[in-house]
Amino acid sequence: MIRCLWLKKKVSDFIDFLLFKSSQTKIKEPKTRAFGFFKDKVKMSSDFDEPISDFDKYME
């Protein structure tokens, strides 16, 4: 019975700690993203959608 009370006290202390810690942390506002930020930074080859010749034997 004493161990049970000790365990309840430990759990209660831990919950109090978590509540205190969560009240201390500030919620960060998400940064707004600029539309078109990566424009002209990523280029795809013209044959991107073409089948890859290395996989020919698997596609037969």
C-alpha atoms as a PDB file:
ATOM      1  CA  MET A   1       0.000   0.000   0.000  1.00  0.00           C
ATOM      2  CA  ILE A   2       2.860   2.380   0.776  1.00  0.00           C
ATOM      3  CA  ARG A   3       4.405   1.672  -2.628  1.00  0.00           C
ATOM      4  CA  CYS A   4       1.070   2.455  -4.292  1.00  0.00           C
ATOM      5  CA  LEU A   5       0.874   5.836  -2.531  1.00  0.00           C
ATOM      6  CA  TRP A   6       4.493   6.548  -3.454  1.00  0.00           C
ATOM      7  CA  LEU A   7       3.768   5.725  -7.094  1.00  0.00           C
ATOM      8  CA  LYS A   8       0.663   7.934  -7.132  1.00  0.00           C
ATOM      9  CA  LYS A   9       2.744  10.796  -5.711  1.00  0.00           C
ATOM     10  CA  LYS A  10       5.423  10.311  -8.393  1.00  0.00           C
ATOM     11  CA  VAL A  11       2.817  10.289 -11.163  1.00  0.00           C
ATOM     12  CA  SER A  12       1.138  13.372  -9.740  1.00  0.00           C
ATOM     13  CA  ASP A  13       4.471  15.201  -9.541  1.00  0.00           C
ATOM     14  CA  PHE A  14       5.287  14.243 -13.123  1.00  0.00           C
ATOM     15  CA  ILE A  15       1.915  15.482 -14.370  1.00  0.00           C
ATOM     16  CA  ASP A  16       2.441  18.761 -12.506  1.00  0.00           C
ATOM     17  CA  PHE A  17       5.877  19.061 -14.109  1.00  0.00           C
ATOM     18  CA  LEU A  18       4.441  18.490 -17.598  1.00  0.00           C
ATOM     19  CA  LEU A  19       1.684  21.031 -17.046  1.00  0.00           C
ATOM     20  CA  PHE A  20       4.210  23.583 -15.808  1.00  0.00           C
ATOM     21  CA  LYS A  21       6.547  22.920 -18.719  1.00  0.00           C
ATOM     22  CA  SER A  22       3.755  23.193 -21.291  1.00  0.00           C
ATOM     23  CA  SER A  23       2.617  26.506 -19.811  1.00  0.00           C
ATOM     24  CA  GLN A  24       6.153  27.891 -20.119  1.00  0.00           C
ATOM     25  CA  THR A  25       6.646  27.067 -23.802  1.00  0.00           C
ATOM     26  CA  LYS A  26       5.542  29.631 -26.329  1.00  0.00           C
ATOM     27  CA  ILE A  27       3.604  28.541 -29.370  1.00  0.00           C
ATOM     28  CA  LYS A  28       5.401  29.636 -32.508  1.00  0.00           C
ATOM     29  CA  GLU A  29       3.344  31.082 -35.290  1.00  0.00           C
ATOM     30  CA  PRO A  30       3.922  29.306 -38.606  1.00  0.00           C
ATOM     31  CA  LYS A  31       5.893  31.300 -41.117  1.00  0.00           C
ATOM     32  CA  THR A  32       4.007  32.470 -44.144  1.00  0.00           C
ATOM     33  CA  ARG A  33       5.337  31.016 -47.347  1.00  0.00           C
ATOM     34  CA  ALA A  34       5.836  33.119 -50.405  1.00  0.00           C
ATOM     35  CA  PHE A  35       4.160  31.719 -53.500  1.00  0.00           C
ATOM     36  CA  GLY A  36       6.650  30.850 -56.226  1.00  0.00           C
ATOM     37  CA  PHE A  37       9.678  30.775 -53.935  1.00  0.00           C
ATOM     38  CA  PHE A  38      11.320  27.875 -55.815  1.00  0.00           C
ATOM     39  CA  LYS A  39      10.402  29.081 -59.271  1.00  0.00           C
ATOM     40  CA  ASP A  40      13.294  28.575 -61.703  1.00  0.00           C
ATOM     41  CA  LYS A  41      15.367  26.786 -59.041  1.00  0.00           C
ATOM     42  CA  VAL A  42      14.301  23.250 -59.973  1.00  0.00           C
ATOM     43  CA  LYS A  43      14.532  22.050 -63.549  1.00  0.00           C
ATOM     44  CA  MET A  44      13.261  18.771 -64.911  1.00  0.00           C
ATOM     45  CA  SER A  45      14.653  17.168 -68.017  1.00  0.00           C
ATOM     46  CA  SER A  46      12.453  17.052 -71.103  1.00  0.00           C
ATOM     47  CA  ASP A  47      12.463  13.227 -71.075  1.00  0.00           C
ATOM     48  CA  PHE A  48      11.362  12.941 -67.446  1.00  0.00           C
ATOM     49  CA  ASP A  49       8.242  10.913 -68.253  1.00  0.00           C
ATOM     50  CA  GLU A  50      10.008   8.568 -70.666  1.00  0.00           C
ATOM     51  CA  PRO A  51      10.636   4.953 -69.580  1.00  0.00           C
ATOM     52  CA  ILE A  52      14.060   4.290 -68.083  1.00  0.00           C
ATOM     53  CA  SER A  53      16.153   2.017 -70.277  1.00  0.00           C
ATOM     54  CA  ASP A  54      17.684   0.276 -67.252  1.00  0.00           C
ATOM     55  CA  PHE A  55      14.288  -1.249 -66.446  1.00  0.00           C
ATOM     56  CA  ASP A  56      13.598  -2.683 -69.903  1.00  0.00           C
ATOM     57  CA  LYS A  57      14.158  -6.295 -68.879  1.00  0.00           C
ATOM     58  CA  TYR A  58      11.733  -5.924 -65.948  1.00  0.00           C
ATOM     59  CA  MET A  59       8.988  -4.430 -68.107  1.00  0.00           C
ATOM     60  CA  GLU A  60       8.894  -7.312 -70.604  1.00  0.00           C
END
